[in-house]
Amino acid sequence: MKAIRKITAVILSAVMLCGILSACGDDAEEISMYDLNQALVGFTGDPDSMKYASSSDSNPEELLSHVSNIEYSKVKAFFITYATNGTGNADEIVAIQVKKKSDLNQAADSLRSHLETRKTLYAAYDKSQLPKLEKAKVFTRGTLAILMVSDNSDKMEAAFYGFFKDK
């Protein structure tokens, strides 16, 4: 009888340890950043003129540093879609997926900061884009922080939630 209790105690301890260790791991769901971008890019002013960069590129940490100051070690994946000709087109989509939900607010705050920088920049050299930047959206879902700058940001946001509807 004592042996059975010891074995049961060891098994329960092992199960608890596994649960504790797995809770400290990656909170992020699997998301195809490319597919998400494809679901959203059509709502920009000129989808064919948009450039795409992502965590799959050869220099991802450098690319992300242009739009966010979050530590790259906290990032699971990201993409940036931006107009090739910034003059006359401030359209941009940035999605940052963090590994842990506890880092999500930092990612969203970094996108808000990036948006404010863009507003200042466009105020200096292309005021025609300021209304679009004022309508921009930064929000979160799960482990994903996203920035949407477009004349159609409301439709883009609906497409974003539609992308996750069946997931």
Protein backbone atom coordinates (compact mmCIF):
# COMPACT_ATOMS: atom_id res chain seq x y z
CA MET A 1 0.00 0.00 0.00
CA LYS A 2 2.86 2.40 0.85
CA ALA A 3 4.48 1.68 -2.52
CA ILE A 4 1.28 2.60 -4.38
CA ARG A 5 1.05 5.91 -2.48
CA LYS A 6 4.67 6.73 -3.27
CA ILE A 7 4.18 5.92 -6.95
CA THR A 8 0.99 8.00 -7.03
CA ALA A 9 2.78 10.91 -5.35
CA VAL A 10 5.65 10.72 -7.85
CA ILE A 11 3.24 10.61 -10.81
CA LEU A 12 1.22 13.57 -9.48
CA SER A 13 4.41 15.54 -8.90
CA ALA A 14 5.56 14.83 -12.45
CA VAL A 15 2.19 15.89 -13.88
CA MET A 16 2.25 19.13 -11.87
CA LEU A 17 5.82 19.86 -12.96
CA CYS A 18 4.88 19.33 -16.62
CA GLY A 19 1.93 21.67 -16.20
CA ILE A 20 4.05 24.35 -14.58
CA LEU A 21 6.75 24.12 -17.23
CA SER A 22 4.31 24.21 -20.12
CA ALA A 23 2.59 27.29 -18.67
CA CYS A 24 5.87 29.16 -18.93
CA GLY A 25 6.24 28.41 -22.62
CA ASP A 26 4.93 29.89 -25.81
CA ASP A 27 1.36 31.25 -25.50
CA ALA A 28 1.10 32.11 -29.19
CA GLU A 29 -1.22 30.29 -31.54
CA GLU A 30 -0.02 29.30 -34.99
CA ILE A 31 -0.80 32.07 -37.48
CA SER A 32 0.33 32.31 -41.08
CA MET A 33 1.53 35.89 -41.18
CA TYR A 34 1.68 35.75 -44.98
CA ASP A 35 -1.96 34.62 -45.20
CA LEU A 36 -3.01 37.29 -42.71
CA ASN A 37 -1.24 39.93 -44.77
CA GLN A 38 -2.97 38.69 -47.91
CA ALA A 39 -6.35 38.99 -46.19
CA LEU A 40 -5.64 42.65 -45.34
CA VAL A 41 -3.47 44.17 -48.07
CA GLY A 42 -6.39 44.50 -50.49
CA PHE A 43 -7.81 47.26 -48.28
CA THR A 44 -4.83 49.52 -48.84
CA GLY A 45 -5.03 52.27 -51.45
CA ASP A 46 -2.78 50.50 -53.97
CA PRO A 47 -2.12 46.85 -53.03
CA ASP A 48 0.21 46.32 -55.99
CA SER A 49 2.60 49.01 -54.80
CA MET A 50 2.95 47.63 -51.27
CA LYS A 51 6.19 46.02 -50.06
CA TYR A 52 6.22 43.10 -47.64
CA ALA A 53 8.84 42.31 -45.01
CA SER A 54 8.60 39.67 -42.31
CA SER A 55 10.26 37.53 -39.70
CA SER A 56 11.04 35.10 -42.52
CA ASP A 57 13.48 37.54 -44.14
CA SER A 58 17.23 37.24 -43.66
CA ASN A 59 17.48 40.30 -41.36
CA PRO A 60 14.25 40.20 -39.32
CA GLU A 61 15.53 41.93 -36.19
CA GLU A 62 16.72 44.92 -38.20
CA LEU A 63 13.47 45.09 -40.17
CA LEU A 64 11.31 45.04 -37.05
CA SER A 65 13.43 47.75 -35.43
CA HIS A 66 12.10 50.22 -38.03
CA VAL A 67 8.59 49.98 -36.57
CA SER A 68 8.97 48.67 -33.01
CA ASN A 69 11.34 48.81 -30.09
CA ILE A 70 10.20 45.51 -28.57
CA GLU A 71 13.01 43.08 -27.79
CA TYR A 72 13.21 40.69 -30.72
CA SER A 73 13.54 37.70 -28.39
CA LYS A 74 9.90 38.32 -27.33
CA VAL A 75 8.61 38.11 -30.90
CA LYS A 76 7.32 34.92 -32.45
CA ALA A 77 6.58 36.39 -35.89
CA PHE A 78 5.79 39.67 -37.61
CA PHE A 79 5.10 41.31 -40.93
CA ILE A 80 5.28 44.85 -42.20
CA THR A 81 3.48 45.95 -45.36
CA TYR A 82 4.14 49.49 -46.49
CA ALA A 83 3.74 51.70 -49.54
CA THR A 84 6.81 51.77 -51.78
CA ASN A 85 6.20 55.44 -52.44
CA GLY A 86 5.67 57.04 -49.02
CA THR A 87 4.92 60.43 -50.55
CA GLY A 88 1.19 60.50 -51.12
CA ASN A 89 0.58 57.11 -49.53
CA ALA A 90 0.98 56.44 -45.79
CA ASP A 91 -0.71 53.03 -46.00
CA GLU A 92 0.90 50.51 -43.69
CA ILE A 93 0.06 47.27 -41.90
CA VAL A 94 2.23 45.93 -39.09
CA ALA A 95 1.46 42.75 -37.18
CA ILE A 96 3.62 41.57 -34.31
CA GLN A 97 2.94 38.22 -32.69
CA VAL A 98 4.57 37.86 -29.28
CA LYS A 99 5.55 34.57 -27.71
CA LYS A 100 3.88 35.38 -24.39
CA LYS A 101 0.69 37.31 -23.73
CA SER A 102 2.48 39.20 -20.98
CA ASP A 103 4.44 41.01 -23.73
CA LEU A 104 1.40 41.97 -25.80
CA ASN A 105 0.91 45.44 -24.31
CA GLN A 106 4.56 46.27 -24.97
CA ALA A 107 4.12 45.30 -28.63
CA ALA A 108 0.94 47.38 -28.96
CA ASP A 109 2.55 50.36 -27.23
CA SER A 110 5.51 50.16 -29.61
CA LEU A 111 3.09 50.31 -32.56
CA ARG A 112 1.32 53.32 -31.05
CA SER A 113 4.69 55.03 -30.70
CA HIS A 114 5.53 54.19 -34.32
CA LEU A 115 2.18 55.68 -35.40
CA GLU A 116 2.89 58.91 -33.53
CA THR A 117 6.31 59.12 -35.22
CA ARG A 118 4.65 58.67 -38.60
CA LYS A 119 2.12 61.43 -37.83
CA THR A 120 4.97 63.80 -36.99
CA LEU A 121 6.83 62.84 -40.14
CA TYR A 122 3.84 63.29 -42.44
CA ALA A 123 2.90 66.57 -40.74
CA ALA A 124 6.27 67.88 -41.90
CA TYR A 125 6.24 66.70 -45.51
CA ASP A 126 2.83 65.43 -46.68
CA LYS A 127 -0.12 66.77 -44.70
CA SER A 128 -2.56 65.15 -47.14
CA GLN A 129 -1.92 61.81 -45.39
CA LEU A 130 -2.73 63.04 -41.87
CA PRO A 131 -6.47 62.19 -42.01
CA LYS A 132 -5.56 58.59 -42.86
CA LEU A 133 -3.08 58.46 -39.99
CA GLU A 134 -5.67 59.90 -37.61
CA LYS A 135 -8.05 57.05 -38.55
CA ALA A 136 -5.32 54.43 -38.05
CA LYS A 137 -6.03 51.56 -35.69
CA VAL A 138 -3.81 49.80 -33.18
CA PHE A 139 -5.36 46.89 -31.32
CA THR A 140 -4.68 43.37 -30.08
CA ARG A 141 -6.13 39.90 -30.43
CA GLY A 142 -4.69 36.86 -28.66
CA THR A 143 -0.92 37.32 -28.88
CA LEU A 144 -1.07 39.63 -31.88
CA ALA A 145 -0.67 43.42 -31.90
CA ILE A 146 -1.58 45.12 -35.15
CA LEU A 147 -1.36 48.56 -36.72
CA MET A 148 -3.57 49.43 -39.69
CA VAL A 149 -3.12 52.64 -41.65
CA SER A 150 -5.52 52.91 -44.58
CA ASP A 151 -8.46 54.91 -45.83
CA ASN A 152 -10.34 51.62 -45.41
CA SER A 153 -9.12 50.76 -41.90
CA ASP A 154 -12.65 49.87 -40.74
CA LYS A 155 -13.05 47.35 -43.58
CA MET A 156 -9.52 46.10 -42.95
CA GLU A 157 -10.35 45.55 -39.28
CA ALA A 158 -13.46 43.56 -40.25
CA ALA A 159 -11.32 41.44 -42.60
CA PHE A 160 -8.84 40.90 -39.76
CA TYR A 161 -11.52 39.47 -37.48
CA GLY A 162 -12.96 37.52 -40.41
CA PHE A 163 -9.57 35.88 -40.90
CA PHE A 164 -9.80 34.41 -37.39
CA LYS A 165 -13.49 33.55 -37.53
CA ASP A 166 -12.93 29.90 -38.47
CA LYS A 167 -9.78 29.41 -36.46
